[in-house]
Amino acid sequence: MNEFMESLRMSFDDSINYLTWAFFSLVAAFAFDRLLDIKKIKNKLGNCIFTLVCRAYFIAFMLIGVANIQYMREVFSHHLGGSIFSNIFWILIMVIIVVNAGLVTIGIDGKKSKES
């Protein structure tokens, strides 16, 4: 059991940077998605450019988040082997990252609407 806990500790130590990058990139992606819902430009050309830029940033930050989640999976697979535990831990972490990033974005939007 001590071997498993040591492997788990090493997995978390090695994946913390990927976890941080994944979280903040998903927050940024969700923020750009919310920005499209909130802000509309009256000029048709300006609105098209704004939508294109927001979608490009959304895709870029989403790809960064997905890549970092993939790197976390590789770290857990490396330290814990191909066991079911490595899959359980990275799926659990992925869900936590996505839910927390969404809640942060919704919370920021809710706070702004209450202040107005």
PDB file of N, CA and C in Angstrom:
ATOM      1  N   MET A   1       0.821  -1.195   0.000  1.00  0.00           N
ATOM      2  CA  MET A   1       0.000   0.000   0.000  1.00  0.00           C
ATOM      3  C   MET A   1       0.866   1.260   0.000  1.00  0.00           C
ATOM      4  N   ASN A   2       2.005   1.217   0.697  1.00  0.00           N
ATOM      5  CA  ASN A   2       2.891   2.379   0.717  1.00  0.00           C
ATOM      6  C   ASN A   2       3.443   2.676  -0.668  1.00  0.00           C
ATOM      7  N   GLU A   3       3.689   1.633  -1.445  1.00  0.00           N
ATOM      8  CA  GLU A   3       4.176   1.812  -2.815  1.00  0.00           C
ATOM      9  C   GLU A   3       3.143   2.548  -3.670  1.00  0.00           C
ATOM     10  N   PHE A   4       1.886   2.163  -3.513  1.00  0.00           N
ATOM     11  CA  PHE A   4       0.815   2.805  -4.266  1.00  0.00           C
ATOM     12  C   PHE A   4       0.681   4.276  -3.879  1.00  0.00           C
ATOM     13  N   MET A   5       0.728   4.563  -2.588  1.00  0.00           N
ATOM     14  CA  MET A   5       0.603   5.947  -2.131  1.00  0.00           C
ATOM     15  C   MET A   5       1.789   6.791  -2.591  1.00  0.00           C
ATOM     16  N   GLU A   6       2.977   6.205  -2.610  1.00  0.00           N
ATOM     17  CA  GLU A   6       4.152   6.923  -3.100  1.00  0.00           C
ATOM     18  C   GLU A   6       4.018   7.211  -4.595  1.00  0.00           C
ATOM     19  N   SER A   7       3.523   6.241  -5.349  1.00  0.00           N
ATOM     20  CA  SER A   7       3.297   6.453  -6.782  1.00  0.00           C
ATOM     21  C   SER A   7       2.240   7.527  -7.015  1.00  0.00           C
ATOM     22  N   LEU A   8       1.220   7.518  -6.197  1.00  0.00           N
ATOM     23  CA  LEU A   8       0.162   8.518  -6.305  1.00  0.00           C
ATOM     24  C   LEU A   8       0.698   9.914  -5.974  1.00  0.00           C
ATOM     25  N   ARG A   9       1.519  10.021  -4.945  1.00  0.00           N
ATOM     26  CA  ARG A   9       2.118  11.301  -4.576  1.00  0.00           C
ATOM     27  C   ARG A   9       3.007  11.826  -5.697  1.00  0.00           C
ATOM     28  N   MET A  10       3.808  10.952  -6.274  1.00  0.00           N
ATOM     29  CA  MET A  10       4.677  11.361  -7.376  1.00  0.00           C
ATOM     30  C   MET A  10       3.852  11.795  -8.587  1.00  0.00           C
ATOM     31  N   SER A  11       2.741  11.126  -8.828  1.00  0.00           N
ATOM     32  CA  SER A  11       1.869  11.503  -9.945  1.00  0.00           C
ATOM     33  C   SER A  11       1.300  12.898  -9.748  1.00  0.00           C
ATOM     34  N   PHE A  12       0.825  13.178  -8.538  1.00  0.00           N
ATOM     35  CA  PHE A  12       0.284  14.509  -8.264  1.00  0.00           C
ATOM     36  C   PHE A  12       1.371  15.574  -8.316  1.00  0.00           C
ATOM     37  N   ASP A  13       2.558  15.255  -7.807  1.00  0.00           N
ATOM     38  CA  ASP A  13       3.668  16.218  -7.854  1.00  0.00           C
ATOM     39  C   ASP A  13       4.051  16.561  -9.285  1.00  0.00           C
ATOM     40  N   ASP A  14       4.109  15.555 -10.138  1.00  0.00           N
ATOM     41  CA  ASP A  14       4.526  15.778 -11.522  1.00  0.00           C
ATOM     42  C   ASP A  14       3.444  16.427 -12.382  1.00  0.00           C
ATOM     43  N   SER A  15       2.187  16.282 -11.989  1.00  0.00           N
ATOM     44  CA  SER A  15       1.108  16.780 -12.845  1.00  0.00           C
ATOM     45  C   SER A  15       0.527  18.115 -12.393  1.00  0.00           C
ATOM     46  N   ILE A  16       1.055  18.713 -11.329  1.00  0.00           N
ATOM     47  CA  ILE A  16       0.449  19.940 -10.810  1.00  0.00           C
ATOM     48  C   ILE A  16       0.558  21.102 -11.793  1.00  0.00           C
ATOM     49  N   ASN A  17       1.650  21.204 -12.535  1.00  0.00           N
ATOM     50  CA  ASN A  17       1.775  22.283 -13.525  1.00  0.00           C
ATOM     51  C   ASN A  17       0.766  22.110 -14.653  1.00  0.00           C
ATOM     52  N   TYR A  18       0.570  20.872 -15.086  1.00  0.00           N
ATOM     53  CA  TYR A  18      -0.422  20.610 -16.131  1.00  0.00           C
ATOM     54  C   TYR A  18      -1.830  20.919 -15.625  1.00  0.00           C
ATOM     55  N   LEU A  19      -2.076  20.617 -14.352  1.00  0.00           N
ATOM     56  CA  LEU A  19      -3.371  20.898 -13.755  1.00  0.00           C
ATOM     57  C   LEU A  19      -3.658  22.396 -13.754  1.00  0.00           C
ATOM     58  N   THR A  20      -2.666  23.187 -13.389  1.00  0.00           N
ATOM     59  CA  THR A  20      -2.828  24.640 -13.364  1.00  0.00           C
ATOM     60  C   THR A  20      -3.086  25.189 -14.761  1.00  0.00           C
ATOM     61  N   TRP A  21      -2.289  24.751 -15.716  1.00  0.00           N
ATOM     62  CA  TRP A  21      -2.476  25.210 -17.097  1.00  0.00           C
ATOM     63  C   TRP A  21      -3.850  24.816 -17.624  1.00  0.00           C
ATOM     64  N   ALA A  22      -4.268  23.593 -17.351  1.00  0.00           N
ATOM     65  CA  ALA A  22      -5.568  23.131 -17.843  1.00  0.00           C
ATOM     66  C   ALA A  22      -6.697  23.955 -17.238  1.00  0.00           C
ATOM     67  N   PHE A  23      -6.627  24.203 -15.936  1.00  0.00           N
ATOM     68  CA  PHE A  23      -7.690  24.956 -15.271  1.00  0.00           C
ATOM     69  C   PHE A  23      -7.812  26.365 -15.837  1.00  0.00           C
ATOM     70  N   PHE A  24      -6.709  27.095 -15.885  1.00  0.00           N
ATOM     71  CA  PHE A  24      -6.785  28.486 -16.330  1.00  0.00           C
ATOM     72  C   PHE A  24      -7.084  28.609 -17.820  1.00  0.00           C
ATOM     73  N   SER A  25      -6.642  27.667 -18.624  1.00  0.00           N
ATOM     74  CA  SER A  25      -6.980  27.741 -20.045  1.00  0.00           C
ATOM     75  C   SER A  25      -8.463  27.442 -20.271  1.00  0.00           C
ATOM     76  N   LEU A  26      -9.038  26.532 -19.488  1.00  0.00           N
ATOM     77  CA  LEU A  26     -10.474  26.277 -19.617  1.00  0.00           C
ATOM     78  C   LEU A  26     -11.298  27.446 -19.084  1.00  0.00           C
ATOM     79  N   VAL A  27     -10.821  28.117 -18.032  1.00  0.00           N
ATOM     80  CA  VAL A  27     -11.508  29.326 -17.562  1.00  0.00           C
ATOM     81  C   VAL A  27     -11.516  30.379 -18.669  1.00  0.00           C
ATOM     82  N   ALA A  28     -10.373  30.562 -19.322  1.00  0.00           N
ATOM     83  CA  ALA A  28     -10.297  31.540 -20.414  1.00  0.00           C
ATOM     84  C   ALA A  28     -11.206  31.139 -21.574  1.00  0.00           C
ATOM     85  N   ALA A  29     -11.241  29.857 -21.913  1.00  0.00           N
ATOM     86  CA  ALA A  29     -12.101  29.399 -23.009  1.00  0.00           C
ATOM     87  C   ALA A  29     -13.571  29.639 -22.681  1.00  0.00           C
ATOM     88  N   PHE A  30     -13.988  29.294 -21.462  1.00  0.00           N
ATOM     89  CA  PHE A  30     -15.378  29.519 -21.070  1.00  0.00           C
ATOM     90  C   PHE A  30     -15.702  31.009 -21.017  1.00  0.00           C
ATOM     91  N   ALA A  31     -14.735  31.830 -20.627  1.00  0.00           N
ATOM     92  CA  ALA A  31     -14.964  33.280 -20.578  1.00  0.00           C
ATOM     93  C   ALA A  31     -15.194  33.841 -21.977  1.00  0.00           C
ATOM     94  N   PHE A  32     -14.430  33.384 -22.957  1.00  0.00           N
ATOM     95  CA  PHE A  32     -14.650  33.855 -24.325  1.00  0.00           C
ATOM     96  C   PHE A  32     -15.983  33.360 -24.868  1.00  0.00           C
ATOM     97  N   ASP A  33     -16.403  32.175 -24.462  1.00  0.00           N
ATOM     98  CA  ASP A  33     -17.706  31.673 -24.884  1.00  0.00           C
ATOM     99  C   ASP A  33     -18.830  32.522 -24.281  1.00  0.00           C
ATOM    100  N   ARG A  34     -18.689  32.883 -23.010  1.00  0.00           N
ATOM    101  CA  ARG A  34     -19.684  33.741 -22.368  1.00  0.00           C
ATOM    102  C   ARG A  34     -19.684  35.144 -22.974  1.00  0.00           C
ATOM    103  N   LEU A  35     -18.504  35.614 -23.372  1.00  0.00           N
ATOM    104  CA  LEU A  35     -18.391  36.942 -23.970  1.00  0.00           C
ATOM    105  C   LEU A  35     -19.206  37.029 -25.255  1.00  0.00           C
ATOM    106  N   LEU A  36     -19.243  35.953 -26.011  1.00  0.00           N
ATOM    107  CA  LEU A  36     -20.053  35.943 -27.237  1.00  0.00           C
ATOM    108  C   LEU A  36     -21.538  36.061 -26.929  1.00  0.00           C
ATOM    109  N   ASP A  37     -21.976  35.467 -25.808  1.00  0.00           N
ATOM    110  CA  ASP A  37     -23.385  35.551 -25.432  1.00  0.00           C
ATOM    111  C   ASP A  37     -23.763  36.936 -24.922  1.00  0.00           C
ATOM    112  N   ILE A  38     -22.822  37.608 -24.291  1.00  0.00           N
ATOM    113  CA  ILE A  38     -23.117  38.874 -23.624  1.00  0.00           C
ATOM    114  C   ILE A  38     -22.993  40.066 -24.557  1.00  0.00           C
ATOM    115  N   LYS A  39     -21.885  40.162 -25.255  1.00  0.00           N
ATOM    116  CA  LYS A  39     -21.567  41.375 -26.011  1.00  0.00           C
ATOM    117  C   LYS A  39     -21.929  41.206 -27.482  1.00  0.00           C
ATOM    118  N   LYS A  40     -22.665  42.163 -27.995  1.00  0.00           N
ATOM    119  CA  LYS A  40     -22.994  42.227 -29.418  1.00  0.00           C
ATOM    120  C   LYS A  40     -22.594  43.595 -29.945  1.00  0.00           C
ATOM    121  N   ILE A  41     -22.000  43.620 -31.107  1.00  0.00           N
ATOM    122  CA  ILE A  41     -21.587  44.866 -31.740  1.00  0.00           C
ATOM    123  C   ILE A  41     -22.626  45.213 -32.803  1.00  0.00           C
ATOM    124  N   LYS A  42     -22.992  46.477 -32.875  1.00  0.00           N
ATOM    125  CA  LYS A  42     -24.053  46.895 -33.800  1.00  0.00           C
ATOM    126  C   LYS A  42     -23.620  46.830 -35.254  1.00  0.00           C
ATOM    127  N   ASN A  43     -22.357  47.077 -35.511  1.00  0.00           N
ATOM    128  CA  ASN A  43     -21.829  47.015 -36.868  1.00  0.00           C
ATOM    129  C   ASN A  43     -21.735  45.547 -37.295  1.00  0.00           C
ATOM    130  N   LYS A  44     -22.262  45.212 -38.473  1.00  0.00           N
ATOM    131  CA  LYS A  44     -22.296  43.820 -38.920  1.00  0.00           C
ATOM    132  C   LYS A  44     -20.891  43.264 -39.140  1.00  0.00           C
ATOM    133  N   LEU A  45     -20.015  44.039 -39.773  1.00  0.00           N
ATOM    134  CA  LEU A  45     -18.644  43.594 -40.010  1.00  0.00           C
ATOM    135  C   LEU A  45     -17.887  43.456 -38.692  1.00  0.00           C
ATOM    136  N   GLY A  46     -18.071  44.425 -37.813  1.00  0.00           N
ATOM    137  CA  GLY A  46     -17.424  44.362 -36.499  1.00  0.00           C
ATOM    138  C   GLY A  46     -17.896  43.170 -35.697  1.00  0.00           C
ATOM    139  N   ASN A  47     -19.181  42.849 -35.799  1.00  0.00           N
ATOM    140  CA  ASN A  47     -19.728  41.698 -35.094  1.00  0.00           C
ATOM    141  C   ASN A  47     -19.140  40.400 -35.631  1.00  0.00           C
ATOM    142  N   CYS A  48     -18.975  40.309 -36.947  1.00  0.00           N
ATOM    143  CA  CYS A  48     -18.380  39.106 -37.548  1.00  0.00           C
ATOM    144  C   CYS A  48     -16.926  38.939 -37.115  1.00  0.00           C
ATOM    145  N   ILE A  49     -16.179  40.041 -37.117  1.00  0.00           N
ATOM    146  CA  ILE A  49     -14.774  39.980 -36.696  1.00  0.00           C
ATOM    147  C   ILE A  49     -14.680  39.621 -35.218  1.00  0.00           C
ATOM    148  N   PHE A  50     -15.532  40.231 -34.393  1.00  0.00           N
ATOM    149  CA  PHE A  50     -15.550  39.944 -32.961  1.00  0.00           C
ATOM    150  C   PHE A  50     -15.869  38.474 -32.704  1.00  0.00           C
ATOM    151  N   THR A  51     -16.864  37.948 -33.401  1.00  0.00           N
ATOM    152  CA  THR A  51     -17.233  36.542 -33.250  1.00  0.00           C
ATOM    153  C   THR A  51     -16.099  35.628 -33.687  1.00  0.00           C
ATOM    154  N   LEU A  52     -15.460  35.955 -34.795  1.00  0.00           N
ATOM    155  CA  LEU A  52     -14.344  35.150 -35.293  1.00  0.00           C
ATOM    156  C   LEU A  52     -13.172  35.141 -34.310  1.00  0.00           C
ATOM    157  N   VAL A  53     -12.841  36.303 -33.768  1.00  0.00           N
ATOM    158  CA  VAL A  53     -11.730  36.389 -32.812  1.00  0.00           C
ATOM    159  C   VAL A  53     -12.059  35.625 -31.530  1.00  0.00           C
ATOM    160  N   CYS A  54     -13.276  35.777 -31.030  1.00  0.00           N
ATOM    161  CA  CYS A  54     -13.669  35.061 -29.812  1.00  0.00           C
ATOM    162  C   CYS A  54     -13.664  33.554 -30.027  1.00  0.00           C
ATOM    163  N   ARG A  55     -14.150  33.103 -31.166  1.00  0.00           N
ATOM    164  CA  ARG A  55     -14.135  31.665 -31.460  1.00  0.00           C
ATOM    165  C   ARG A  55     -12.706  31.138 -31.594  1.00  0.00           C
ATOM    166  N   ALA A  56     -11.826  31.943 -32.209  1.00  0.00           N
ATOM    167  CA  ALA A  56     -10.424  31.527 -32.354  1.00  0.00           C
ATOM    168  C   ALA A  56      -9.765  31.386 -30.985  1.00  0.00           C
ATOM    169  N   TYR A  57      -9.994  32.361 -30.102  1.00  0.00           N
ATOM    170  CA  TYR A  57      -9.439  32.268 -28.747  1.00  0.00           C
ATOM    171  C   TYR A  57     -10.049  31.097 -27.986  1.00  0.00           C
ATOM    172  N   PHE A  58     -11.354  30.879 -28.151  1.00  0.00           N
ATOM    173  CA  PHE A  58     -12.007  29.751 -27.489  1.00  0.00           C
ATOM    174  C   PHE A  58     -11.362  28.439 -27.911  1.00  0.00           C
ATOM    175  N   ILE A  59     -11.175  28.256 -29.208  1.00  0.00           N
ATOM    176  CA  ILE A  59     -10.570  27.018 -29.715  1.00  0.00           C
ATOM    177  C   ILE A  59      -9.129  26.883 -29.234  1.00  0.00           C
ATOM    178  N   ALA A  60      -8.362  27.979 -29.261  1.00  0.00           N
ATOM    179  CA  ALA A  60      -6.963  27.919 -28.831  1.00  0.00           C
ATOM    180  C   ALA A  60      -6.855  27.537 -27.356  1.00  0.00           C
ATOM    181  N   PHE A  61      -7.630  28.196 -26.499  1.00  0.00           N
ATOM    182  CA  PHE A  61      -7.558  27.884 -25.074  1.00  0.00           C
ATOM    183  C   PHE A  61      -8.121  26.500 -24.768  1.00  0.00           C
ATOM    184  N   MET A  62      -9.131  26.073 -25.501  1.00  0.00           N
ATOM    185  CA  MET A  62      -9.669  24.731 -25.298  1.00  0.00           C
ATOM    186  C   MET A  62      -8.634  23.676 -25.687  1.00  0.00           C
ATOM    187  N   LEU A  63      -7.915  23.894 -26.782  1.00  0.00           N
ATOM    188  CA  LEU A  63      -6.867  22.954 -27.189  1.00  0.00           C
ATOM    189  C   LEU A  63      -5.734  22.901 -26.171  1.00  0.00           C
ATOM    190  N   ILE A  64      -5.377  24.053 -25.611  1.00  0.00           N
ATOM    191  CA  ILE A  64      -4.347  24.067 -24.565  1.00  0.00           C
ATOM    192  C   ILE A  64      -4.817  23.269 -23.353  1.00  0.00           C
ATOM    193  N   GLY A  65      -6.067  23.452 -22.960  1.00  0.00           N
ATOM    194  CA  GLY A  65      -6.613  22.705 -21.827  1.00  0.00           C
ATOM    195  C   GLY A  65      -6.659  21.213 -22.082  1.00  0.00           C
ATOM    196  N   VAL A  66      -7.084  20.825 -23.265  1.00  0.00           N
ATOM    197  CA  VAL A  66      -7.160  19.397 -23.612  1.00  0.00           C
ATOM    198  C   VAL A  66      -5.764  18.776 -23.655  1.00  0.00           C
ATOM    199  N   ALA A  67      -4.797  19.505 -24.206  1.00  0.00           N
ATOM    200  CA  ALA A  67      -3.425  18.988 -24.259  1.00  0.00           C
ATOM    201  C   ALA A  67      -2.864  18.786 -22.857  1.00  0.00           C
ATOM    202  N   ASN A  68      -3.125  19.709 -21.952  1.00  0.00           N
ATOM    203  CA  ASN A  68      -2.622  19.565 -20.589  1.00  0.00           C
ATOM    204  C   ASN A  68      -3.323  18.445 -19.835  1.00  0.00           C
ATOM    205  N   ILE A  69      -4.600  18.238 -20.093  1.00  0.00           N
ATOM    206  CA  ILE A  69      -5.292  17.098 -19.486  1.00  0.00           C
ATOM    207  C   ILE A  69      -4.707  15.790 -20.019  1.00  0.00           C
ATOM    208  N   GLN A  70      -4.355  15.756 -21.292  1.00  0.00           N
ATOM    209  CA  GLN A  70      -3.715  14.575 -21.876  1.00  0.00           C
ATOM    210  C   GLN A  70      -2.349  14.322 -21.228  1.00  0.00           C
ATOM    211  N   TYR A  71      -1.574  15.385 -21.006  1.00  0.00           N
ATOM    212  CA  TYR A  71      -0.281  15.223 -20.337  1.00  0.00           C
ATOM    213  C   TYR A  71      -0.460  14.696 -18.915  1.00  0.00           C
ATOM    214  N   MET A  72      -1.503  15.156 -18.229  1.00  0.00           N
ATOM    215  CA  MET A  72      -1.778  14.639 -16.884  1.00  0.00           C
ATOM    216  C   MET A  72      -2.100  13.155 -16.932  1.00  0.00           C
ATOM    217  N   ARG A  73      -2.844  12.739 -17.939  1.00  0.00           N
ATOM    218  CA  ARG A  73      -3.164  11.320 -18.076  1.00  0.00           C
ATOM    219  C   ARG A  73      -1.896  10.502 -18.279  1.00  0.00           C
ATOM    220  N   GLU A  74      -0.981  11.033 -19.083  1.00  0.00           N
ATOM    221  CA  GLU A  74       0.276  10.325 -19.317  1.00  0.00           C
ATOM    222  C   GLU A  74       1.114  10.225 -18.048  1.00  0.00           C
ATOM    223  N   VAL A  75       1.117  11.273 -17.229  1.00  0.00           N
ATOM    224  CA  VAL A  75       1.864  11.235 -15.968  1.00  0.00           C
ATOM    225  C   VAL A  75       1.282  10.175 -15.048  1.00  0.00           C
ATOM    226  N   PHE A  76      -0.036  10.142 -14.922  1.00  0.00           N
ATOM    227  CA  PHE A  76      -0.656   9.142 -14.058  1.00  0.00           C
ATOM    228  C   PHE A  76      -0.434   7.736 -14.601  1.00  0.00           C
ATOM    229  N   SER A  77      -0.501   7.564 -15.901  1.00  0.00           N
ATOM    230  CA  SER A  77      -0.254   6.242 -16.484  1.00  0.00           C
ATOM    231  C   SER A  77       1.189   5.817 -16.284  1.00  0.00           C
ATOM    232  N   HIS A  78       2.115   6.766 -16.339  1.00  0.00           N
ATOM    233  CA  HIS A  78       3.535   6.448 -16.156  1.00  0.00           C
ATOM    234  C   HIS A  78       3.817   5.999 -14.718  1.00  0.00           C
ATOM    235  N   HIS A  79       3.284   6.725 -13.739  1.00  0.00           N
ATOM    236  CA  HIS A  79       3.588   6.412 -12.340  1.00  0.00           C
ATOM    237  C   HIS A  79       2.743   5.276 -11.784  1.00  0.00           C
ATOM    238  N   LEU A  80       1.516   5.157 -12.229  1.00  0.00           N
ATOM    239  CA  LEU A  80       0.635   4.120 -11.691  1.00  0.00           C
ATOM    240  C   LEU A  80       0.499   2.923 -12.624  1.00  0.00           C
ATOM    241  N   GLY A  81       1.194   2.958 -13.735  1.00  0.00           N
ATOM    242  CA  GLY A  81       1.075   1.870 -14.699  1.00  0.00           C
ATOM    243  C   GLY A  81      -0.237   1.989 -15.454  1.00  0.00           C
ATOM    244  N   GLY A  82      -0.598   0.964 -16.160  1.00  0.00           N
ATOM    245  CA  GLY A  82      -1.841   0.979 -16.923  1.00  0.00           C
ATOM    246  C   GLY A  82      -3.020   0.513 -16.106  1.00  0.00           C
ATOM    247  N   SER A  83      -2.955   0.683 -14.793  1.00  0.00           N
ATOM    248  CA  SER A  83      -4.002   0.155 -13.925  1.00  0.00           C
ATOM    249  C   SER A  83      -5.278   0.988 -14.017  1.00  0.00           C
ATOM    250  N   ILE A  84      -6.315   0.447 -13.462  1.00  0.00           N
ATOM    251  CA  ILE A  84      -7.608   1.128 -13.444  1.00  0.00           C
ATOM    252  C   ILE A  84      -7.541   2.380 -12.579  1.00  0.00           C
ATOM    253  N   PHE A  85      -6.638   2.374 -11.573  1.00  0.00           N
ATOM    254  CA  PHE A  85      -6.515   3.533 -10.690  1.00  0.00           C
ATOM    255  C   PHE A  85      -6.040   4.770 -11.440  1.00  0.00           C
ATOM    256  N   SER A  86      -5.117   4.592 -12.376  1.00  0.00           N
ATOM    257  CA  SER A  86      -4.637   5.752 -13.133  1.00  0.00           C
ATOM    258  C   SER A  86      -5.770   6.361 -13.952  1.00  0.00           C
ATOM    259  N   ASN A  87      -6.601   5.518 -14.538  1.00  0.00           N
ATOM    260  CA  ASN A  87      -7.740   6.024 -15.316  1.00  0.00           C
ATOM    261  C   ASN A  87      -8.777   6.704 -14.423  1.00  0.00           C
ATOM    262  N   ILE A  88      -9.029   6.126 -13.258  1.00  0.00           N
ATOM    263  CA  ILE A  88      -9.997   6.722 -12.333  1.00  0.00           C
ATOM    264  C   ILE A  88      -9.531   8.099 -11.886  1.00  0.00           C
ATOM    265  N   PHE A  89      -8.249   8.215 -11.532  1.00  0.00           N
ATOM    266  CA  PHE A  89      -7.746   9.491 -11.025  1.00  0.00           C
ATOM    267  C   PHE A  89      -7.752  10.575 -12.091  1.00  0.00           C
ATOM    268  N   TRP A  90      -7.320  10.269 -13.308  1.00  0.00           N
ATOM    269  CA  TRP A  90      -7.281  11.356 -14.291  1.00  0.00           C
ATOM    270  C   TRP A  90      -8.674  11.729 -14.775  1.00  0.00           C
ATOM    271  N   ILE A  91      -9.609  10.790 -14.817  1.00  0.00           N
ATOM    272  CA  ILE A  91     -10.990  11.139 -15.172  1.00  0.00           C
ATOM    273  C   ILE A  91     -11.608  12.006 -14.077  1.00  0.00           C
ATOM    274  N   LEU A  92     -11.348  11.651 -12.826  1.00  0.00           N
ATOM    275  CA  LEU A  92     -11.846  12.449 -11.710  1.00  0.00           C
ATOM    276  C   LEU A  92     -11.269  13.861 -11.745  1.00  0.00           C
ATOM    277  N   ILE A  93      -9.989  13.976 -11.998  1.00  0.00           N
ATOM    278  CA  ILE A  93      -9.352  15.293 -12.070  1.00  0.00           C
ATOM    279  C   ILE A  93      -9.888  16.087 -13.256  1.00  0.00           C
ATOM    280  N   MET A  94     -10.105  15.428 -14.385  1.00  0.00           N
ATOM    281  CA  MET A  94     -10.640  16.117 -15.559  1.00  0.00           C
ATOM    282  C   MET A  94     -12.026  16.693 -15.264  1.00  0.00           C
ATOM    283  N   VAL A  95     -12.875  15.920 -14.614  1.00  0.00           N
ATOM    284  CA  VAL A  95     -14.217  16.399 -14.275  1.00  0.00           C
ATOM    285  C   VAL A  95     -14.135  17.576 -13.308  1.00  0.00           C
ATOM    286  N   ILE A  96     -13.255  17.478 -12.318  1.00  0.00           N
ATOM    287  CA  ILE A  96     -13.096  18.565 -11.352  1.00  0.00           C
ATOM    288  C   ILE A  96     -12.632  19.842 -12.043  1.00  0.00           C
ATOM    289  N   ILE A  97     -11.687  19.724 -12.963  1.00  0.00           N
ATOM    290  CA  ILE A  97     -11.177  20.899 -13.679  1.00  0.00           C
ATOM    291  C   ILE A  97     -12.289  21.562 -14.483  1.00  0.00           C
ATOM    292  N   VAL A  98     -13.018  20.781 -15.251  1.00  0.00           N
ATOM    293  CA  VAL A  98     -14.062  21.343 -16.121  1.00  0.00           C
ATOM    294  C   VAL A  98     -15.184  21.971 -15.296  1.00  0.00           C
ATOM    295  N   VAL A  99     -15.614  21.297 -14.245  1.00  0.00           N
ATOM    296  CA  VAL A  99     -16.694  21.835 -13.416  1.00  0.00           C
ATOM    297  C   VAL A  99     -16.250  23.115 -12.713  1.00  0.00           C
ATOM    298  N   ASN A 100     -15.054  23.115 -12.147  1.00  0.00           N
ATOM    299  CA  ASN A 100     -14.574  24.319 -11.459  1.00  0.00           C
ATOM    300  C   ASN A 100     -14.366  25.484 -12.416  1.00  0.00           C
ATOM    301  N   ALA A 101     -13.843  25.220 -13.597  1.00  0.00           N
ATOM    302  CA  ALA A 101     -13.658  26.297 -14.575  1.00  0.00           C
ATOM    303  C   ALA A 101     -15.009  26.876 -14.994  1.00  0.00           C
ATOM    304  N   GLY A 102     -15.987  26.024 -15.197  1.00  0.00           N
ATOM    305  CA  GLY A 102     -17.329  26.501 -15.539  1.00  0.00           C
ATOM    306  C   GLY A 102     -17.963  27.297 -14.413  1.00  0.00           C
ATOM    307  N   LEU A 103     -17.780  26.836 -13.172  1.00  0.00           N
ATOM    308  CA  LEU A 103     -18.344  27.557 -12.031  1.00  0.00           C
ATOM    309  C   LEU A 103     -17.684  28.915 -11.828  1.00  0.00           C
ATOM    310  N   VAL A 104     -16.383  28.988 -12.053  1.00  0.00           N
ATOM    311  CA  VAL A 104     -15.694  30.277 -11.945  1.00  0.00           C
ATOM    312  C   VAL A 104     -16.247  31.253 -12.973  1.00  0.00           C
ATOM    313  N   THR A 105     -16.424  30.794 -14.197  1.00  0.00           N
ATOM    314  CA  THR A 105     -16.934  31.666 -15.256  1.00  0.00           C
ATOM    315  C   THR A 105     -18.371  32.090 -14.978  1.00  0.00           C
ATOM    316  N   ILE A 106     -19.205  31.177 -14.545  1.00  0.00           N
ATOM    317  CA  ILE A 106     -20.599  31.508 -14.225  1.00  0.00           C
ATOM    318  C   ILE A 106     -20.658  32.442 -13.022  1.00  0.00           C
ATOM    319  N   GLY A 107     -19.787  32.214 -12.033  1.00  0.00           N
ATOM    320  CA  GLY A 107     -19.756  33.070 -10.849  1.00  0.00           C
ATOM    321  C   GLY A 107     -19.335  34.485 -11.169  1.00  0.00           C
ATOM    322  N   ILE A 108     -18.364  34.652 -12.041  1.00  0.00           N
ATOM    323  CA  ILE A 108     -17.932  35.992 -12.446  1.00  0.00           C
ATOM    324  C   ILE A 108     -19.062  36.700 -13.181  1.00  0.00           C
ATOM    325  N   ASP A 109     -19.749  35.980 -14.063  1.00  0.00           N
ATOM    326  CA  ASP A 109     -20.862  36.572 -14.809  1.00  0.00           C
ATOM    327  C   ASP A 109     -22.008  36.938 -13.869  1.00  0.00           C
ATOM    328  N   GLY A 110     -22.310  36.067 -12.907  1.00  0.00           N
ATOM    329  CA  GLY A 110     -23.376  36.346 -11.949  1.00  0.00           C
ATOM    330  C   GLY A 110     -23.066  37.537 -11.069  1.00  0.00           C
ATOM    331  N   LYS A 111     -21.806  37.686 -10.684  1.00  0.00           N
ATOM    332  CA  LYS A 111     -21.404  38.823  -9.857  1.00  0.00           C
ATOM    333  C   LYS A 111     -21.542  40.130 -10.624  1.00  0.00           C
ATOM    334  N   LYS A 112     -21.188  40.120 -11.908  1.00  0.00           N
ATOM    335  CA  LYS A 112     -21.304  41.332 -12.721  1.00  0.00           C
ATOM    336  C   LYS A 112     -22.763  41.732 -12.901  1.00  0.00           C
ATOM    337  N   SER A 113     -23.654  40.750 -13.078  1.00  0.00           N
ATOM    338  CA  SER A 113     -25.065  41.082 -13.286  1.00  0.00           C
ATOM    339  C   SER A 113     -25.702  41.608 -11.997  1.00  0.00           C
ATOM    340  N   LYS A 114     -25.239  41.167 -10.830  1.00  0.00           N
ATOM    341  CA  LYS A 114     -25.774  41.676  -9.566  1.00  0.00           C
ATOM    342  C   LYS A 114     -25.318  43.101  -9.294  1.00  0.00           C
ATOM    343  N   GLU A 115     -24.092  43.437  -9.733  1.00  0.00           N
ATOM    344  CA  GLU A 115     -23.561  44.778  -9.503  1.00  0.00           C
ATOM    345  C   GLU A 115     -24.229  45.817 -10.389  1.00  0.00           C
ATOM    346  N   SER A 116     -24.739  45.425 -11.547  1.00  0.00           N
ATOM    347  CA  SER A 116     -25.334  46.396 -12.480  1.00  0.00           C
ATOM    348  C   SER A 116     -26.687  46.861 -12.028  1.00  0.00           C
TER     349      SER A 116
END
